[in-house]
């Protein structure tokens, strides 16, 4: 399996930006607690994305959007996205 690169992470994140903003500083619609992903560290991002992928994490009524976004992410994709977001 090919490892995700920084360029891949930027491409992957482009799908996230619609709700989270280009810099991770927008609160996603319907989320509970107003968590900004730009304030999350790499470990928190990894845990969150894996939780959404397995449907064991919920952050409000629109969590189904995150379930759909995360369901096809590989572990390498999640690691690359976490590093990308951690750099915000």
N, C-alpha and C. Protein backbone atom coordinates (compact mmCIF):
# COMPACT_ATOMS: atom_id res chain seq x y z
N UNK A 1 0.84 -1.18 0.00
CA UNK A 1 0.00 0.00 0.00
C UNK A 1 0.89 1.25 0.00
N UNK A 2 0.54 2.22 -0.80
CA UNK A 2 1.31 3.44 -0.93
C UNK A 2 0.97 4.40 0.21
N UNK A 3 2.00 5.01 0.78
CA UNK A 3 1.80 5.98 1.85
C UNK A 3 1.27 7.30 1.27
N UNK A 4 0.38 7.94 2.02
CA UNK A 4 -0.14 9.25 1.60
C UNK A 4 0.97 10.28 1.75
N UNK A 5 1.05 11.21 0.82
CA UNK A 5 2.06 12.27 0.88
C UNK A 5 1.41 13.57 1.32
N UNK A 6 2.23 14.60 1.55
CA UNK A 6 1.71 15.90 1.93
C UNK A 6 0.78 16.45 0.86
N UNK A 7 1.12 16.22 -0.41
CA UNK A 7 0.26 16.68 -1.50
C UNK A 7 -1.07 15.95 -1.44
N UNK A 8 -1.01 14.64 -1.19
CA UNK A 8 -2.25 13.86 -1.04
C UNK A 8 -3.09 14.42 0.10
N UNK A 9 -2.44 14.76 1.21
CA UNK A 9 -3.15 15.29 2.37
C UNK A 9 -3.85 16.60 2.02
N UNK A 10 -3.19 17.46 1.26
CA UNK A 10 -3.83 18.71 0.85
C UNK A 10 -5.03 18.43 -0.04
N UNK A 11 -4.90 17.45 -0.92
CA UNK A 11 -6.02 17.07 -1.78
C UNK A 11 -7.16 16.48 -0.95
N UNK A 12 -6.82 15.61 -0.01
CA UNK A 12 -7.84 15.04 0.88
C UNK A 12 -8.52 16.14 1.69
N UNK A 13 -7.71 17.08 2.20
CA UNK A 13 -8.28 18.13 3.04
C UNK A 13 -9.22 19.06 2.26
N UNK A 14 -9.04 19.16 0.98
CA UNK A 14 -9.92 20.02 0.18
C UNK A 14 -11.38 19.64 0.39
N UNK A 15 -11.65 18.35 0.62
CA UNK A 15 -13.03 17.91 0.89
C UNK A 15 -13.49 18.37 2.27
N UNK A 16 -12.57 18.53 3.18
CA UNK A 16 -12.89 18.93 4.56
C UNK A 16 -13.17 20.43 4.66
N UNK A 17 -12.52 21.19 3.80
CA UNK A 17 -12.55 22.65 3.89
C UNK A 17 -13.94 23.24 3.74
N UNK A 18 -14.83 22.56 3.05
CA UNK A 18 -16.19 23.09 2.87
C UNK A 18 -16.87 23.33 4.21
N UNK A 19 -16.64 22.47 5.17
CA UNK A 19 -17.26 22.62 6.50
C UNK A 19 -16.29 23.19 7.53
N UNK A 20 -15.01 22.82 7.45
CA UNK A 20 -14.04 23.20 8.48
C UNK A 20 -13.22 24.43 8.12
N UNK A 21 -13.37 24.94 6.91
CA UNK A 21 -12.60 26.10 6.47
C UNK A 21 -11.23 25.70 5.97
N UNK A 22 -10.65 26.56 5.14
CA UNK A 22 -9.34 26.23 4.54
C UNK A 22 -8.24 26.13 5.58
N UNK A 23 -8.46 26.76 6.74
CA UNK A 23 -7.45 26.74 7.80
C UNK A 23 -7.92 26.00 9.05
N UNK A 24 -9.04 25.28 8.96
CA UNK A 24 -9.54 24.51 10.09
C UNK A 24 -10.15 25.33 11.20
N UNK A 25 -10.45 26.60 10.92
CA UNK A 25 -10.95 27.50 11.96
C UNK A 25 -12.43 27.82 11.83
N UNK A 26 -13.17 27.00 11.10
CA UNK A 26 -14.62 27.15 11.01
C UNK A 26 -15.27 25.99 11.76
N UNK A 27 -16.32 26.31 12.51
CA UNK A 27 -17.07 25.27 13.22
C UNK A 27 -17.97 24.58 12.21
N UNK A 28 -17.86 23.28 12.13
CA UNK A 28 -18.68 22.52 11.18
C UNK A 28 -20.15 22.63 11.56
N UNK A 29 -21.03 22.79 10.58
CA UNK A 29 -22.46 22.93 10.85
C UNK A 29 -23.00 21.74 11.65
N UNK A 30 -23.75 22.04 12.69
CA UNK A 30 -24.39 21.01 13.49
C UNK A 30 -23.51 20.33 14.51
N UNK A 31 -22.23 20.71 14.58
CA UNK A 31 -21.35 20.04 15.54
C UNK A 31 -21.65 20.53 16.96
N UNK A 32 -21.45 19.65 17.91
CA UNK A 32 -21.68 19.97 19.32
C UNK A 32 -20.36 20.41 19.93
N UNK A 33 -20.37 21.50 20.65
CA UNK A 33 -19.19 21.96 21.36
C UNK A 33 -18.34 22.96 20.61
N UNK A 34 -18.62 23.19 19.36
CA UNK A 34 -17.88 24.20 18.60
C UNK A 34 -16.39 23.92 18.48
N UNK A 35 -16.01 22.66 18.34
CA UNK A 35 -14.60 22.29 18.24
C UNK A 35 -14.04 22.72 16.89
N UNK A 36 -12.92 23.43 16.94
CA UNK A 36 -12.20 23.81 15.73
C UNK A 36 -11.10 22.78 15.51
N UNK A 37 -11.06 22.19 14.33
CA UNK A 37 -10.03 21.17 14.12
C UNK A 37 -8.62 21.78 14.14
N UNK A 38 -8.51 23.08 13.88
CA UNK A 38 -7.20 23.73 13.94
C UNK A 38 -6.64 23.72 15.36
N UNK A 39 -7.50 23.56 16.36
CA UNK A 39 -7.04 23.54 17.75
C UNK A 39 -6.72 22.12 18.23
N UNK A 40 -6.92 21.14 17.38
CA UNK A 40 -6.66 19.75 17.75
C UNK A 40 -5.23 19.36 17.42
N UNK A 41 -4.64 18.51 18.28
CA UNK A 41 -3.31 18.00 17.95
C UNK A 41 -3.44 16.75 17.08
N UNK A 42 -2.31 16.26 16.61
CA UNK A 42 -2.31 15.13 15.68
C UNK A 42 -3.03 13.92 16.26
N UNK A 43 -2.77 13.60 17.51
CA UNK A 43 -3.40 12.44 18.14
C UNK A 43 -4.91 12.60 18.19
N UNK A 44 -5.38 13.79 18.53
CA UNK A 44 -6.82 14.03 18.59
C UNK A 44 -7.47 13.88 17.21
N UNK A 45 -6.79 14.36 16.19
CA UNK A 45 -7.33 14.24 14.83
C UNK A 45 -7.40 12.76 14.43
N UNK A 46 -6.33 12.02 14.69
CA UNK A 46 -6.31 10.59 14.36
C UNK A 46 -7.44 9.87 15.08
N UNK A 47 -7.56 10.09 16.39
CA UNK A 47 -8.61 9.42 17.17
C UNK A 47 -10.00 9.80 16.66
N UNK A 48 -10.20 11.07 16.34
CA UNK A 48 -11.50 11.52 15.85
C UNK A 48 -11.83 10.88 14.51
N UNK A 49 -10.90 10.93 13.57
CA UNK A 49 -11.17 10.36 12.25
C UNK A 49 -11.41 8.85 12.32
N UNK A 50 -10.64 8.16 13.15
CA UNK A 50 -10.87 6.72 13.30
C UNK A 50 -12.22 6.45 13.97
N UNK A 51 -12.61 7.31 14.92
CA UNK A 51 -13.91 7.17 15.55
C UNK A 51 -15.05 7.41 14.58
N UNK A 52 -14.91 8.41 13.73
CA UNK A 52 -15.93 8.65 12.71
C UNK A 52 -15.96 7.50 11.69
N UNK A 53 -14.77 7.01 11.32
CA UNK A 53 -14.71 5.92 10.35
C UNK A 53 -15.43 4.67 10.87
N UNK A 54 -15.29 4.40 12.16
CA UNK A 54 -15.92 3.21 12.75
C UNK A 54 -17.32 3.50 13.29
N UNK A 55 -17.75 4.76 13.16
CA UNK A 55 -19.06 5.21 13.65
C UNK A 55 -19.22 5.05 15.16
N UNK A 56 -18.11 5.19 15.90
CA UNK A 56 -18.17 5.12 17.35
C UNK A 56 -18.08 6.50 17.99
N UNK A 57 -17.91 7.54 17.18
CA UNK A 57 -17.82 8.91 17.67
C UNK A 57 -18.95 9.72 17.07
N UNK A 58 -19.57 10.54 17.90
CA UNK A 58 -20.62 11.44 17.42
C UNK A 58 -20.38 12.82 18.00
N UNK A 59 -20.50 13.83 17.17
CA UNK A 59 -20.36 15.21 17.63
C UNK A 59 -21.56 16.03 17.17
N UNK A 60 -22.73 15.45 17.24
CA UNK A 60 -23.93 16.20 16.89
C UNK A 60 -24.67 15.62 15.71
N UNK A 61 -25.72 16.33 15.34
CA UNK A 61 -26.66 15.85 14.33
C UNK A 61 -26.07 15.61 12.96
N UNK A 62 -25.00 16.27 12.62
CA UNK A 62 -24.41 16.10 11.29
C UNK A 62 -23.24 15.12 11.29
N UNK A 63 -23.12 14.31 12.33
CA UNK A 63 -22.03 13.33 12.37
C UNK A 63 -22.08 12.39 11.18
N UNK A 64 -23.27 12.16 10.65
CA UNK A 64 -23.39 11.28 9.48
C UNK A 64 -22.55 11.79 8.31
N UNK A 65 -22.38 13.10 8.22
CA UNK A 65 -21.51 13.66 7.18
C UNK A 65 -20.08 13.18 7.39
N UNK A 66 -19.62 13.23 8.64
CA UNK A 66 -18.27 12.76 8.94
C UNK A 66 -18.14 11.25 8.75
N UNK A 67 -19.19 10.50 9.08
CA UNK A 67 -19.14 9.06 8.84
C UNK A 67 -18.89 8.78 7.36
N UNK A 68 -19.60 9.51 6.51
CA UNK A 68 -19.46 9.31 5.07
C UNK A 68 -18.09 9.78 4.57
N UNK A 69 -17.58 10.89 5.13
CA UNK A 69 -16.28 11.40 4.70
C UNK A 69 -15.14 10.47 5.13
N UNK A 70 -15.26 9.87 6.31
CA UNK A 70 -14.16 9.08 6.87
C UNK A 70 -14.19 7.61 6.50
N UNK A 71 -15.32 7.11 6.02
CA UNK A 71 -15.47 5.66 5.85
C UNK A 71 -14.44 5.03 4.92
N UNK A 72 -13.95 5.74 3.95
CA UNK A 72 -12.99 5.17 2.99
C UNK A 72 -11.56 5.63 3.22
N UNK A 73 -11.31 6.33 4.32
CA UNK A 73 -9.94 6.78 4.60
C UNK A 73 -9.12 5.60 5.13
N UNK A 74 -7.94 5.43 4.58
CA UNK A 74 -7.02 4.42 5.09
C UNK A 74 -6.32 4.98 6.32
N UNK A 75 -5.62 4.11 7.05
CA UNK A 75 -4.84 4.60 8.19
C UNK A 75 -3.78 5.60 7.71
N UNK A 76 -3.19 5.35 6.55
CA UNK A 76 -2.18 6.28 6.00
C UNK A 76 -2.82 7.63 5.66
N UNK A 77 -4.03 7.60 5.10
CA UNK A 77 -4.75 8.85 4.81
C UNK A 77 -4.99 9.63 6.10
N UNK A 78 -5.43 8.92 7.13
CA UNK A 78 -5.73 9.57 8.41
C UNK A 78 -4.47 10.18 9.01
N UNK A 79 -3.36 9.45 8.97
CA UNK A 79 -2.09 9.98 9.49
C UNK A 79 -1.67 11.23 8.72
N UNK A 80 -1.78 11.18 7.39
CA UNK A 80 -1.39 12.33 6.56
C UNK A 80 -2.28 13.53 6.85
N UNK A 81 -3.59 13.30 6.95
CA UNK A 81 -4.51 14.40 7.27
C UNK A 81 -4.20 14.97 8.64
N UNK A 82 -3.91 14.11 9.61
CA UNK A 82 -3.62 14.58 10.97
C UNK A 82 -2.37 15.46 10.99
N UNK A 83 -1.35 15.06 10.25
CA UNK A 83 -0.14 15.89 10.17
C UNK A 83 -0.44 17.22 9.48
N UNK A 84 -1.22 17.17 8.44
CA UNK A 84 -1.59 18.38 7.69
C UNK A 84 -2.36 19.34 8.60
N UNK A 85 -3.35 18.82 9.31
CA UNK A 85 -4.19 19.65 10.19
C UNK A 85 -3.38 20.15 11.38
N UNK A 86 -2.49 19.33 11.90
CA UNK A 86 -1.65 19.72 13.05
C UNK A 86 -0.76 20.90 12.70
N UNK A 87 -0.48 21.10 11.42
CA UNK A 87 0.38 22.21 10.98
C UNK A 87 -0.36 23.55 10.90
N UNK A 88 -1.68 23.55 11.07
CA UNK A 88 -2.45 24.81 11.01
C UNK A 88 -2.05 25.73 12.12
